[in-house]
C-alpha cells in the first residue's frame, strides 16, 4: 500500500496541504481499515456486496456478535495486516452507535484503530 488521502475529524478528505494530506505505512493501513469498515453494503454501484450491512446490524436486535464478525473479517482481509492483537467493541441499542478499538500487527508495526459507526 503506497499512499492514502487522510480524513479530517468529520470524515471528509484532507485538501490543501500537498503531501501532508496523505498517509503512508501503518497510518495508511489504519485509515484503509476505518474507511472499509464504514462502507455500507448495497451502497457502491460497482459492488453491492462490498461493505457491512449496517442497516440490518444497527436496526435489529442481537446483532453485535455478527457485527463484530463483519468488522474482523474486513480487518483480517487487508493485505498488510498480519494479525489482530486486541479487539473490543460496544453496540448501544438505543442510539444505534457501534464503537470499537482494534490493535493490529501490520507489516509496518502495531497500529491502534478507533471505529465509530451509526448513532443518532
PDB file of N, CA and C in Angstrom:
ATOM      1  N   UNK A   1       0.858  -1.163   0.000  1.00  0.00           N
ATOM      2  CA  UNK A   1       0.000   0.000   0.000  1.00  0.00           C
ATOM      3  C   UNK A   1       0.905   1.227   0.000  1.00  0.00           C
ATOM      4  N   UNK A   2       0.735   2.095  -0.943  1.00  0.00           N
ATOM      5  CA  UNK A   2       1.622   3.246  -1.070  1.00  0.00           C
ATOM      6  C   UNK A   2       1.137   4.436  -0.253  1.00  0.00           C
ATOM      7  N   UNK A   3       0.093   5.090  -0.704  1.00  0.00           N
ATOM      8  CA  UNK A   3      -0.427   6.285  -0.036  1.00  0.00           C
ATOM      9  C   UNK A   3      -1.951   6.257  -0.023  1.00  0.00           C
ATOM     10  N   UNK A   4      -2.531   6.913   0.958  1.00  0.00           N
ATOM     11  CA  UNK A   4      -3.978   7.071   1.009  1.00  0.00           C
ATOM     12  C   UNK A   4      -4.259   8.471   1.543  1.00  0.00           C
ATOM     13  N   UNK A   5      -5.237   9.137   0.950  1.00  0.00           N
ATOM     14  CA  UNK A   5      -5.574  10.502   1.376  1.00  0.00           C
ATOM     15  C   UNK A   5      -6.190  10.454   2.762  1.00  0.00           C
ATOM     16  N   UNK A   6      -5.746  11.357   3.629  1.00  0.00           N
ATOM     17  CA  UNK A   6      -6.231  11.413   5.001  1.00  0.00           C
ATOM     18  C   UNK A   6      -7.637  11.968   5.112  1.00  0.00           C
ATOM     19  N   UNK A   7      -8.224  11.780   6.279  1.00  0.00           N
ATOM     20  CA  UNK A   7      -9.565  12.285   6.568  1.00  0.00           C
ATOM     21  C   UNK A   7      -9.498  13.238   7.757  1.00  0.00           C
ATOM     22  N   UNK A   8     -10.386  14.222   7.756  1.00  0.00           N
ATOM     23  CA  UNK A   8     -10.448  15.127   8.900  1.00  0.00           C
ATOM     24  C   UNK A   8     -11.378  14.541   9.963  1.00  0.00           C
ATOM     25  N   UNK A   9     -11.654  15.298  11.010  1.00  0.00           N
ATOM     26  CA  UNK A   9     -12.490  14.813  12.111  1.00  0.00           C
ATOM     27  C   UNK A   9     -13.940  14.575  11.711  1.00  0.00           C
ATOM     28  N   UNK A  10     -14.350  15.092  10.556  1.00  0.00           N
ATOM     29  CA  UNK A  10     -15.721  14.918  10.077  1.00  0.00           C
ATOM     30  C   UNK A  10     -15.835  13.828   9.016  1.00  0.00           C
ATOM     31  N   UNK A  11     -14.712  13.180   8.711  1.00  0.00           N
ATOM     32  CA  UNK A  11     -14.714  12.112   7.720  1.00  0.00           C
ATOM     33  C   UNK A  11     -14.551  12.590   6.292  1.00  0.00           C
ATOM     34  N   UNK A  12     -14.234  13.874   6.101  1.00  0.00           N
ATOM     35  CA  UNK A  12     -14.008  14.416   4.764  1.00  0.00           C
ATOM     36  C   UNK A  12     -12.523  14.317   4.404  1.00  0.00           C
ATOM     37  N   UNK A  13     -12.255  14.201   3.102  1.00  0.00           N
ATOM     38  CA  UNK A  13     -10.863  14.144   2.663  1.00  0.00           C
ATOM     39  C   UNK A  13     -10.127  15.425   2.998  1.00  0.00           C
ATOM     40  N   UNK A  14      -8.845  15.287   3.282  1.00  0.00           N
ATOM     41  CA  UNK A  14      -7.980  16.437   3.532  1.00  0.00           C
ATOM     42  C   UNK A  14      -7.502  17.009   2.204  1.00  0.00           C
ATOM     43  N   UNK A  15      -7.514  18.322   2.082  1.00  0.00           N
ATOM     44  CA  UNK A  15      -7.039  19.011   0.882  1.00  0.00           C
ATOM     45  C   UNK A  15      -6.260  20.244   1.290  1.00  0.00           C
ATOM     46  N   UNK A  16      -5.389  20.708   0.396  1.00  0.00           N
ATOM     47  CA  UNK A  16      -4.747  21.993   0.547  1.00  0.00           C
ATOM     48  C   UNK A  16      -3.393  21.987   1.226  1.00  0.00           C
ATOM     49  N   UNK A  17      -2.866  20.818   1.562  1.00  0.00           N
ATOM     50  CA  UNK A  17      -1.578  20.764   2.253  1.00  0.00           C
ATOM     51  C   UNK A  17      -0.569  19.884   1.519  1.00  0.00           C
ATOM     52  N   UNK A  18      -0.818  19.633   0.259  1.00  0.00           N
ATOM     53  CA  UNK A  18       0.103  18.836  -0.552  1.00  0.00           C
ATOM     54  C   UNK A  18       0.281  17.432  -0.015  1.00  0.00           C
ATOM     55  N   UNK A  19       1.527  16.986   0.081  1.00  0.00           N
ATOM     56  CA  UNK A  19       1.835  15.628   0.539  1.00  0.00           C
ATOM     57  C   UNK A  19       1.449  15.386   1.992  1.00  0.00           C
ATOM     58  N   UNK A  20       1.269  16.438   2.773  1.00  0.00           N
ATOM     59  CA  UNK A  20       0.876  16.279   4.176  1.00  0.00           C
ATOM     60  C   UNK A  20      -0.538  15.716   4.318  1.00  0.00           C
ATOM     61  N   UNK A  21      -1.326  15.766   3.237  1.00  0.00           N
ATOM     62  CA  UNK A  21      -2.688  15.241   3.266  1.00  0.00           C
ATOM     63  C   UNK A  21      -2.744  13.730   3.028  1.00  0.00           C
ATOM     64  N   UNK A  22      -1.591  13.114   2.799  1.00  0.00           N
ATOM     65  CA  UNK A  22      -1.540  11.684   2.518  1.00  0.00           C
ATOM     66  C   UNK A  22      -0.856  10.929   3.656  1.00  0.00           C
ATOM     67  N   UNK A  23      -1.363   9.727   3.922  1.00  0.00           N
ATOM     68  CA  UNK A  23      -0.777   8.868   4.942  1.00  0.00           C
ATOM     69  C   UNK A  23      -0.073   7.712   4.249  1.00  0.00           C
ATOM     70  N   UNK A  24       0.955   7.182   4.917  1.00  0.00           N
ATOM     71  CA  UNK A  24       1.663   6.025   4.380  1.00  0.00           C
ATOM     72  C   UNK A  24       1.923   5.032   5.506  1.00  0.00           C
ATOM     73  N   UNK A  25       2.391   3.871   5.157  1.00  0.00           N
ATOM     74  CA  UNK A  25       2.773   2.805   6.079  1.00  0.00           C
ATOM     75  C   UNK A  25       1.653   2.456   7.054  1.00  0.00           C
ATOM     76  N   UNK A  26       1.946   2.399   8.356  1.00  0.00           N
ATOM     77  CA  UNK A  26       0.967   1.963   9.350  1.00  0.00           C
ATOM     78  C   UNK A  26      -0.281   2.819   9.387  1.00  0.00           C
ATOM     79  N   UNK A  27      -0.111   4.142   9.301  1.00  0.00           N
ATOM     80  CA  UNK A  27      -1.271   5.040   9.305  1.00  0.00           C
ATOM     81  C   UNK A  27      -2.143   4.799   8.077  1.00  0.00           C
ATOM     82  N   UNK A  28      -1.519   4.447   6.972  1.00  0.00           N
ATOM     83  CA  UNK A  28      -2.244   4.132   5.740  1.00  0.00           C
ATOM     84  C   UNK A  28      -3.100   2.885   5.929  1.00  0.00           C
ATOM     85  N   UNK A  29      -2.538   1.863   6.540  1.00  0.00           N
ATOM     86  CA  UNK A  29      -3.282   0.625   6.801  1.00  0.00           C
ATOM     87  C   UNK A  29      -4.456   0.916   7.736  1.00  0.00           C
ATOM     88  N   UNK A  30      -4.208   1.688   8.794  1.00  0.00           N
ATOM     89  CA  UNK A  30      -5.273   2.026   9.738  1.00  0.00           C
ATOM     90  C   UNK A  30      -6.412   2.772   9.085  1.00  0.00           C
ATOM     91  N   UNK A  31      -6.099   3.755   8.251  1.00  0.00           N
ATOM     92  CA  UNK A  31      -7.139   4.524   7.573  1.00  0.00           C
ATOM     93  C   UNK A  31      -7.886   3.669   6.555  1.00  0.00           C
ATOM     94  N   UNK A  32      -7.185   2.780   5.890  1.00  0.00           N
ATOM     95  CA  UNK A  32      -7.830   1.859   4.954  1.00  0.00           C
ATOM     96  C   UNK A  32      -8.837   0.973   5.688  1.00  0.00           C
ATOM     97  N   UNK A  33      -8.488   0.515   6.872  1.00  0.00           N
ATOM     98  CA  UNK A  33      -9.395  -0.304   7.670  1.00  0.00           C
ATOM     99  C   UNK A  33     -10.618   0.508   8.081  1.00  0.00           C
ATOM    100  N   UNK A  34     -10.401   1.708   8.598  1.00  0.00           N
ATOM    101  CA  UNK A  34     -11.516   2.547   9.051  1.00  0.00           C
ATOM    102  C   UNK A  34     -12.495   2.826   7.911  1.00  0.00           C
ATOM    103  N   UNK A  35     -11.991   3.221   6.763  1.00  0.00           N
ATOM    104  CA  UNK A  35     -12.893   3.536   5.652  1.00  0.00           C
ATOM    105  C   UNK A  35     -13.596   2.295   5.123  1.00  0.00           C
ATOM    106  N   UNK A  36     -12.929   1.155   5.131  1.00  0.00           N
ATOM    107  CA  UNK A  36     -13.561  -0.085   4.675  1.00  0.00           C
ATOM    108  C   UNK A  36     -14.657  -0.546   5.629  1.00  0.00           C
ATOM    109  N   UNK A  37     -14.419  -0.417   6.930  1.00  0.00           N
ATOM    110  CA  UNK A  37     -15.420  -0.827   7.918  1.00  0.00           C
ATOM    111  C   UNK A  37     -16.653   0.075   7.843  1.00  0.00           C
ATOM    112  N   UNK A  38     -16.466   1.340   7.543  1.00  0.00           N
ATOM    113  CA  UNK A  38     -17.596   2.273   7.487  1.00  0.00           C
ATOM    114  C   UNK A  38     -18.397   2.169   6.191  1.00  0.00           C
ATOM    115  N   UNK A  39     -17.930   1.358   5.263  1.00  0.00           N
ATOM    116  CA  UNK A  39     -18.612   1.215   3.982  1.00  0.00           C
ATOM    117  C   UNK A  39     -19.917   0.441   4.145  1.00  0.00           C
ATOM    118  N   UNK A  40     -21.003   0.987   3.627  1.00  0.00           N
ATOM    119  CA  UNK A  40     -22.324   0.361   3.726  1.00  0.00           C
ATOM    120  C   UNK A  40     -22.544  -0.599   2.560  1.00  0.00           C
ATOM    121  N   UNK A  41     -22.998  -1.799   2.889  1.00  0.00           N
ATOM    122  CA  UNK A  41     -23.344  -2.785   1.869  1.00  0.00           C
ATOM    123  C   UNK A  41     -24.489  -2.242   1.008  1.00  0.00           C
ATOM    124  N   UNK A  42     -24.514  -2.592  -0.263  1.00  0.00           N
ATOM    125  CA  UNK A  42     -25.521  -2.180  -1.252  1.00  0.00           C
ATOM    126  C   UNK A  42     -25.404  -0.701  -1.621  1.00  0.00           C
ATOM    127  N   UNK A  43     -24.297  -0.037  -1.259  1.00  0.00           N
ATOM    128  CA  UNK A  43     -24.178   1.394  -1.477  1.00  0.00           C
ATOM    129  C   UNK A  43     -23.257   1.755  -2.642  1.00  0.00           C
ATOM    130  N   UNK A  44     -22.426   0.829  -3.098  1.00  0.00           N
ATOM    131  CA  UNK A  44     -21.496   1.136  -4.176  1.00  0.00           C
ATOM    132  C   UNK A  44     -21.943   0.407  -5.437  1.00  0.00           C
ATOM    133  N   UNK A  45     -22.218   1.159  -6.498  1.00  0.00           N
ATOM    134  CA  UNK A  45     -22.780   0.598  -7.724  1.00  0.00           C
ATOM    135  C   UNK A  45     -21.918  -0.488  -8.354  1.00  0.00           C
ATOM    136  N   UNK A  46     -20.615  -0.446  -8.155  1.00  0.00           N
ATOM    137  CA  UNK A  46     -19.728  -1.420  -8.791  1.00  0.00           C
ATOM    138  C   UNK A  46     -19.668  -2.744  -8.036  1.00  0.00           C
ATOM    139  N   UNK A  47     -20.038  -2.741  -6.753  1.00  0.00           N
ATOM    140  CA  UNK A  47     -20.012  -3.975  -5.960  1.00  0.00           C
ATOM    141  C   UNK A  47     -20.979  -3.830  -4.786  1.00  0.00           C
ATOM    142  N   UNK A  48     -22.217  -4.241  -5.005  1.00  0.00           N
ATOM    143  CA  UNK A  48     -23.249  -4.098  -3.968  1.00  0.00           C
ATOM    144  C   UNK A  48     -22.989  -4.965  -2.744  1.00  0.00           C
ATOM    145  N   UNK A  49     -22.132  -5.968  -2.864  1.00  0.00           N
ATOM    146  CA  UNK A  49     -21.861  -6.864  -1.731  1.00  0.00           C
ATOM    147  C   UNK A  49     -20.718  -6.379  -0.843  1.00  0.00           C
ATOM    148  N   UNK A  50     -20.004  -5.372  -1.282  1.00  0.00           N
ATOM    149  CA  UNK A  50     -18.871  -4.869  -0.508  1.00  0.00           C
ATOM    150  C   UNK A  50     -19.367  -4.023   0.664  1.00  0.00           C
ATOM    151  N   UNK A  51     -18.743  -4.202   1.820  1.00  0.00           N
ATOM    152  CA  UNK A  51     -19.101  -3.420   2.991  1.00  0.00           C
ATOM    153  C   UNK A  51     -19.915  -4.225   4.000  1.00  0.00           C
ATOM    154  N   UNK A  52     -20.417  -3.515   5.002  1.00  0.00           N
ATOM    155  CA  UNK A  52     -21.198  -4.129   6.077  1.00  0.00           C
ATOM    156  C   UNK A  52     -22.652  -3.726   5.926  1.00  0.00           C
ATOM    157  N   UNK A  53     -23.550  -4.633   6.200  1.00  0.00           N
ATOM    158  CA  UNK A  53     -24.987  -4.348   6.154  1.00  0.00           C
ATOM    159  C   UNK A  53     -25.378  -3.600   7.432  1.00  0.00           C
ATOM    160  N   UNK A  54     -24.915  -2.346   7.528  1.00  0.00           N
ATOM    161  CA  UNK A  54     -25.150  -1.546   8.736  1.00  0.00           C
ATOM    162  C   UNK A  54     -26.631  -1.357   9.016  1.00  0.00           C
ATOM    163  N   UNK A  55     -27.449  -1.246   7.971  1.00  0.00           N
ATOM    164  CA  UNK A  55     -28.892  -1.044   8.170  1.00  0.00           C
ATOM    165  C   UNK A  55     -29.488  -2.187   8.987  1.00  0.00           C
ATOM    166  N   UNK A  56     -29.133  -3.409   8.653  1.00  0.00           N
ATOM    167  CA  UNK A  56     -29.636  -4.569   9.395  1.00  0.00           C
ATOM    168  C   UNK A  56     -28.963  -4.676  10.750  1.00  0.00           C
ATOM    169  N   UNK A  57     -27.649  -4.530  10.774  1.00  0.00           N
ATOM    170  CA  UNK A  57     -26.900  -4.722  12.024  1.00  0.00           C
ATOM    171  C   UNK A  57     -27.274  -3.686  13.085  1.00  0.00           C
ATOM    172  N   UNK A  58     -27.509  -2.448  12.699  1.00  0.00           N
ATOM    173  CA  UNK A  58     -27.847  -1.416  13.677  1.00  0.00           C
ATOM    174  C   UNK A  58     -29.351  -1.341  13.935  1.00  0.00           C
ATOM    175  N   UNK A  59     -30.147  -1.899  13.043  1.00  0.00           N
ATOM    176  CA  UNK A  59     -31.597  -1.784  13.170  1.00  0.00           C
ATOM    177  C   UNK A  59     -32.292  -3.002  13.721  1.00  0.00           C
ATOM    178  N   UNK A  60     -31.575  -4.074  13.995  1.00  0.00           N
ATOM    179  CA  UNK A  60     -32.179  -5.309  14.506  1.00  0.00           C
ATOM    180  C   UNK A  60     -31.564  -5.677  15.844  1.00  0.00           C
ATOM    181  N   UNK A  61     -32.258  -6.499  16.577  1.00  0.00           N
ATOM    182  CA  UNK A  61     -31.758  -6.927  17.890  1.00  0.00           C
ATOM    183  C   UNK A  61     -30.738  -8.048  17.740  1.00  0.00           C
ATOM    184  N   UNK A  62     -29.882  -8.173  18.749  1.00  0.00           N
ATOM    185  CA  UNK A  62     -28.914  -9.272  18.852  1.00  0.00           C
ATOM    186  C   UNK A  62     -27.983  -9.370  17.648  1.00  0.00           C
ATOM    187  N   UNK A  63     -27.443  -8.240  17.216  1.00  0.00           N
ATOM    188  CA  UNK A  63     -26.573  -8.211  16.044  1.00  0.00           C
ATOM    189  C   UNK A  63     -25.102  -7.975  16.360  1.00  0.00           C
ATOM    190  N   UNK A  64     -24.773  -7.705  17.629  1.00  0.00           N
ATOM    191  CA  UNK A  64     -23.407  -7.334  17.975  1.00  0.00           C
ATOM    192  C   UNK A  64     -22.387  -8.405  17.582  1.00  0.00           C
ATOM    193  N   UNK A  65     -22.689  -9.635  17.883  1.00  0.00           N
ATOM    194  CA  UNK A  65     -21.757 -10.721  17.557  1.00  0.00           C
ATOM    195  C   UNK A  65     -21.522 -10.806  16.046  1.00  0.00           C
ATOM    196  N   UNK A  66     -22.583 -10.661  15.278  1.00  0.00           N
ATOM    197  CA  UNK A  66     -22.452 -10.695  13.821  1.00  0.00           C
ATOM    198  C   UNK A  66     -21.704  -9.467  13.306  1.00  0.00           C
ATOM    199  N   UNK A  67     -21.956  -8.325  13.917  1.00  0.00           N
ATOM    200  CA  UNK A  67     -21.265  -7.108  13.528  1.00  0.00           C
ATOM    201  C   UNK A  67     -19.777  -7.202  13.832  1.00  0.00           C
ATOM    202  N   UNK A  68     -19.446  -7.738  14.997  1.00  0.00           N
ATOM    203  CA  UNK A  68     -18.028  -7.945  15.335  1.00  0.00           C
ATOM    204  C   UNK A  68     -17.357  -8.861  14.314  1.00  0.00           C
ATOM    205  N   UNK A  69     -18.059  -9.902  13.915  1.00  0.00           N
ATOM    206  CA  UNK A  69     -17.513 -10.821  12.909  1.00  0.00           C
ATOM    207  C   UNK A  69     -17.279 -10.106  11.586  1.00  0.00           C
ATOM    208  N   UNK A  70     -18.244  -9.261  11.178  1.00  0.00           N
ATOM    209  CA  UNK A  70     -18.101  -8.496   9.936  1.00  0.00           C
ATOM    210  C   UNK A  70     -16.876  -7.592   9.984  1.00  0.00           C
ATOM    211  N   UNK A  71     -16.707  -6.895  11.104  1.00  0.00           N
ATOM    212  CA  UNK A  71     -15.578  -5.977  11.257  1.00  0.00           C
ATOM    213  C   UNK A  71     -14.256  -6.742  11.200  1.00  0.00           C
ATOM    214  N   UNK A  72     -14.166  -7.824  11.955  1.00  0.00           N
ATOM    215  CA  UNK A  72     -12.923  -8.602  11.976  1.00  0.00           C
ATOM    216  C   UNK A  72     -12.610  -9.230  10.620  1.00  0.00           C
ATOM    217  N   UNK A  73     -13.634  -9.598   9.891  1.00  0.00           N
ATOM    218  CA  UNK A  73     -13.435 -10.161   8.554  1.00  0.00           C
ATOM    219  C   UNK A  73     -12.804  -9.122   7.619  1.00  0.00           C
ATOM    220  N   UNK A  74     -13.274  -7.890   7.707  1.00  0.00           N
ATOM    221  CA  UNK A  74     -12.701  -6.817   6.882  1.00  0.00           C
ATOM    222  C   UNK A  74     -11.265  -6.535   7.301  1.00  0.00           C
ATOM    223  N   UNK A  75     -11.033  -6.455   8.614  1.00  0.00           N
ATOM    224  CA  UNK A  75      -9.686  -6.147   9.119  1.00  0.00           C
ATOM    225  C   UNK A  75      -8.688  -7.204   8.674  1.00  0.00           C
ATOM    226  N   UNK A  76      -9.018  -8.455   8.856  1.00  0.00           N
ATOM    227  CA  UNK A  76      -8.077  -9.529   8.518  1.00  0.00           C
ATOM    228  C   UNK A  76      -7.918  -9.736   7.015  1.00  0.00           C
ATOM    229  N   UNK A  77      -8.813  -9.153   6.211  1.00  0.00           N
ATOM    230  CA  UNK A  77      -8.689  -9.298   4.756  1.00  0.00           C
ATOM    231  C   UNK A  77      -7.704  -8.300   4.150  1.00  0.00           C
ATOM    232  N   UNK A  78      -7.272  -7.331   4.920  1.00  0.00           N
ATOM    233  CA  UNK A  78      -6.327  -6.331   4.408  1.00  0.00           C
ATOM    234  C   UNK A  78      -4.948  -6.956   4.243  1.00  0.00           C
ATOM    235  N   UNK A  79      -4.319  -6.717   3.103  1.00  0.00           N
ATOM    236  CA  UNK A  79      -3.078  -7.426   2.770  1.00  0.00           C
ATOM    237  C   UNK A  79      -1.917  -7.104   3.706  1.00  0.00           C
ATOM    238  N   UNK A  80      -1.885  -5.923   4.295  1.00  0.00           N
ATOM    239  CA  UNK A  80      -0.771  -5.553   5.161  1.00  0.00           C
ATOM    240  C   UNK A  80      -1.010  -5.880   6.630  1.00  0.00           C
ATOM    241  N   UNK A  81      -2.160  -6.468   6.951  1.00  0.00           N
ATOM    242  CA  UNK A  81      -2.456  -6.862   8.332  1.00  0.00           C
ATOM    243  C   UNK A  81      -1.960  -8.284   8.552  1.00  0.00           C
ATOM    244  N   UNK A  82      -1.132  -8.453   9.563  1.00  0.00           N
ATOM    245  CA  UNK A  82      -0.619  -9.781   9.894  1.00  0.00           C
ATOM    246  C   UNK A  82      -1.556 -10.480  10.871  1.00  0.00           C
ATOM    247  N   UNK A  83      -1.968  -9.758  11.927  1.00  0.00           N
ATOM    248  CA  UNK A  83      -2.865 -10.353  12.923  1.00  0.00           C
ATOM    249  C   UNK A  83      -3.571  -9.270  13.726  1.00  0.00           C
ATOM    250  N   UNK A  84      -4.671  -9.667  14.355  1.00  0.00           N
ATOM    251  CA  UNK A  84      -5.389  -8.796  15.281  1.00  0.00           C
ATOM    252  C   UNK A  84      -4.866  -9.113  16.670  1.00  0.00           C
ATOM    253  N   UNK A  85      -4.350  -8.097  17.354  1.00  0.00           N
ATOM    254  CA  UNK A  85      -3.775  -8.289  18.680  1.00  0.00           C
ATOM    255  C   UNK A  85      -4.808  -8.083  19.781  1.00  0.00           C
ATOM    256  N   UNK A  86      -5.723  -7.166  19.549  1.00  0.00           N
ATOM    257  CA  UNK A  86      -6.725  -6.847  20.560  1.00  0.00           C
ATOM    258  C   UNK A  86      -7.949  -6.257  19.864  1.00  0.00           C
ATOM    259  N   UNK A  87      -9.128  -6.607  20.366  1.00  0.00           N
ATOM    260  CA  UNK A  87     -10.366  -6.089  19.776  1.00  0.00           C
ATOM    261  C   UNK A  87     -11.419  -5.961  20.855  1.00  0.00           C
ATOM    262  N   UNK A  88     -11.967  -4.778  21.018  1.00  0.00           N
ATOM    263  CA  UNK A  88     -13.095  -4.552  21.918  1.00  0.00           C
ATOM    264  C   UNK A  88     -14.120  -3.727  21.160  1.00  0.00           C
ATOM    265  N   UNK A  89     -15.390  -3.948  21.485  1.00  0.00           N
ATOM    266  CA  UNK A  89     -16.437  -3.201  20.803  1.00  0.00           C
ATOM    267  C   UNK A  89     -17.646  -3.039  21.708  1.00  0.00           C
ATOM    268  N   UNK A  90     -18.489  -2.111  21.313  1.00  0.00           N
ATOM    269  CA  UNK A  90     -19.730  -1.870  22.044  1.00  0.00           C
ATOM    270  C   UNK A  90     -20.800  -1.460  21.046  1.00  0.00           C
ATOM    271  N   UNK A  91     -21.997  -1.964  21.237  1.00  0.00           N
ATOM    272  CA  UNK A  91     -23.135  -1.582  20.411  1.00  0.00           C
ATOM    273  C   UNK A  91     -24.220  -1.065  21.340  1.00  0.00           C
ATOM    274  N   UNK A  92     -24.511   0.217  21.242  1.00  0.00           N
ATOM    275  CA  UNK A  92     -25.578   0.837  22.032  1.00  0.00           C
ATOM    276  C   UNK A  92     -26.871   0.695  21.250  1.00  0.00           C
ATOM    277  N   UNK A  93     -27.776  -0.159  21.725  1.00  0.00           N
ATOM    278  CA  UNK A  93     -29.022  -0.451  21.012  1.00  0.00           C
ATOM    279  C   UNK A  93     -29.948   0.757  20.944  1.00  0.00           C
ATOM    280  N   UNK A  94     -29.871   1.643  21.923  1.00  0.00           N
ATOM    281  CA  UNK A  94     -30.762   2.806  21.946  1.00  0.00           C
ATOM    282  C   UNK A  94     -30.338   3.836  20.893  1.00  0.00           C
ATOM    283  N   UNK A  95     -29.065   4.204  20.890  1.00  0.00           N
ATOM    284  CA  UNK A  95     -28.586   5.216  19.939  1.00  0.00           C
ATOM    285  C   UNK A  95     -28.128   4.600  18.620  1.00  0.00           C
ATOM    286  N   UNK A  96     -28.041   3.268  18.580  1.00  0.00           N
ATOM    287  CA  UNK A  96     -27.566   2.545  17.390  1.00  0.00           C
ATOM    288  C   UNK A  96     -26.154   2.968  17.003  1.00  0.00           C
ATOM    289  N   UNK A  97     -25.330   3.145  18.036  1.00  0.00           N
ATOM    290  CA  UNK A  97     -23.941   3.538  17.829  1.00  0.00           C
ATOM    291  C   UNK A  97     -23.026   2.355  18.100  1.00  0.00           C
ATOM    292  N   UNK A  98     -22.187   2.048  17.126  1.00  0.00           N
ATOM    293  CA  UNK A  98     -21.202   0.980  17.262  1.00  0.00           C
ATOM    294  C   UNK A  98     -19.836   1.633  17.392  1.00  0.00           C
ATOM    295  N   UNK A  99     -19.116   1.284  18.440  1.00  0.00           N
ATOM    296  CA  UNK A  99     -17.754   1.773  18.631  1.00  0.00           C
ATOM    297  C   UNK A  99     -16.835   0.586  18.863  1.00  0.00           C
ATOM    298  N   UNK A 100     -15.612   0.742  18.467  1.00  0.00           N
ATOM    299  CA  UNK A 100     -14.658  -0.336  18.664  1.00  0.00           C
ATOM    300  C   UNK A 100     -13.233   0.155  18.647  1.00  0.00           C
ATOM    301  N   UNK A 101     -12.380  -0.610  19.254  1.00  0.00           N
ATOM    302  CA  UNK A 101     -10.947  -0.368  19.240  1.00  0.00           C
ATOM    303  C   UNK A 101     -10.271  -1.654  18.793  1.00  0.00           C
ATOM    304  N   UNK A 102      -9.412  -1.523  17.809  1.00  0.00           N
ATOM    305  CA  UNK A 102      -8.697  -2.680  17.275  1.00  0.00           C
ATOM    306  C   UNK A 102      -7.213  -2.347  17.277  1.00  0.00           C
ATOM    307  N   UNK A 103      -6.439  -3.269  17.779  1.00  0.00           N
ATOM    308  CA  UNK A 103      -4.979  -3.141  17.705  1.00  0.00           C
ATOM    309  C   UNK A 103      -4.498  -4.274  16.816  1.00  0.00           C
ATOM    310  N   UNK A 104      -3.827  -3.894  15.726  1.00  0.00           N
ATOM    311  CA  UNK A 104      -3.387  -4.890  14.754  1.00  0.00           C
ATOM    312  C   UNK A 104      -1.878  -4.856  14.595  1.00  0.00           C
ATOM    313  N   UNK A 105      -1.347  -5.983  14.216  1.00  0.00           N
ATOM    314  CA  UNK A 105       0.057  -6.098  13.847  1.00  0.00           C
ATOM    315  C   UNK A 105       0.097  -6.035  12.324  1.00  0.00           C
ATOM    316  N   UNK A 106       0.801  -5.039  11.782  1.00  0.00           N
ATOM    317  CA  UNK A 106       0.909  -4.889  10.336  1.00  0.00           C
ATOM    318  C   UNK A 106       2.352  -5.120   9.908  1.00  0.00           C
ATOM    319  N   UNK A 107       2.583  -5.113   8.626  1.00  0.00           N
ATOM    320  CA  UNK A 107       3.952  -5.256   8.125  1.00  0.00           C
ATOM    321  C   UNK A 107       4.807  -4.057   8.521  1.00  0.00           C
ATOM    322  N   UNK A 108       4.179  -2.980   8.981  1.00  0.00           N
ATOM    323  CA  UNK A 108       4.890  -1.772   9.401  1.00  0.00           C
ATOM    324  C   UNK A 108       4.995  -1.646  10.914  1.00  0.00           C
ATOM    325  N   UNK A 109       4.408  -2.557  11.663  1.00  0.00           N
ATOM    326  CA  UNK A 109       4.394  -2.490  13.118  1.00  0.00           C
ATOM    327  C   UNK A 109       2.963  -2.507  13.635  1.00  0.00           C
ATOM    328  N   UNK A 110       2.798  -2.190  14.907  1.00  0.00           N
ATOM    329  CA  UNK A 110       1.466  -2.186  15.516  1.00  0.00           C
ATOM    330  C   UNK A 110       0.734  -0.890  15.201  1.00  0.00           C
ATOM    331  N   UNK A 111      -0.581  -1.006  15.065  1.00  0.00           N
ATOM    332  CA  UNK A 111      -1.423   0.155  14.776  1.00  0.00           C
ATOM    333  C   UNK A 111      -2.712   0.023  15.575  1.00  0.00           C
ATOM    334  N   UNK A 112      -3.083   1.084  16.280  1.00  0.00           N
ATOM    335  CA  UNK A 112      -4.350   1.122  17.026  1.00  0.00           C
ATOM    336  C   UNK A 112      -5.371   1.892  16.205  1.00  0.00           C
ATOM    337  N   UNK A 113      -6.578   1.328  16.102  1.00  0.00           N
ATOM    338  CA  UNK A 113      -7.611   1.891  15.238  1.00  0.00           C
ATOM    339  C   UNK A 113      -8.895   2.059  16.033  1.00  0.00           C
ATOM    340  N   UNK A 114      -9.490   3.240  15.935  1.00  0.00           N
ATOM    341  CA  UNK A 114     -10.782   3.523  16.559  1.00  0.00           C
ATOM    342  C   UNK A 114     -11.848   3.484  15.484  1.00  0.00           C
ATOM    343  N   UNK A 115     -12.963   2.821  15.785  1.00  0.00           N
ATOM    344  CA  UNK A 115     -14.077   2.738  14.849  1.00  0.00           C
ATOM    345  C   UNK A 115     -15.319   3.304  15.505  1.00  0.00           C
ATOM    346  N   UNK A 116     -16.042   4.117  14.741  1.00  0.00           N
ATOM    347  CA  UNK A 116     -17.298   4.662  15.219  1.00  0.00           C
ATOM    348  C   UNK A 116     -18.240   4.693  14.022  1.00  0.00           C
ATOM    349  N   UNK A 117     -19.391   4.039  14.154  1.00  0.00           N
ATOM    350  CA  UNK A 117     -20.342   3.997  13.043  1.00  0.00           C
ATOM    351  C   UNK A 117     -21.760   4.044  13.594  1.00  0.00           C
ATOM    352  N   UNK A 118     -22.631   4.641  12.807  1.00  0.00           N
ATOM    353  CA  UNK A 118     -24.031   4.751  13.200  1.00  0.00           C
ATOM    354  C   UNK A 118     -24.227   5.876  14.194  1.00  0.00           C
ATOM    355  N   UNK A 119     -25.224   5.717  15.021  1.00  0.00           N
ATOM    356  CA  UNK A 119     -25.513   6.729  16.034  1.00  0.00           C
ATOM    357  C   UNK A 119     -26.567   7.705  15.598  1.00  0.00           C
ATOM    358  N   UNK A 120     -27.268   8.240  16.566  1.00  0.00           N
ATOM    359  CA  UNK A 120     -28.336   9.178  16.269  1.00  0.00           C
ATOM    360  C   UNK A 120     -27.832  10.592  16.184  1.00  0.00           C
TER     361      UNK A 120
END
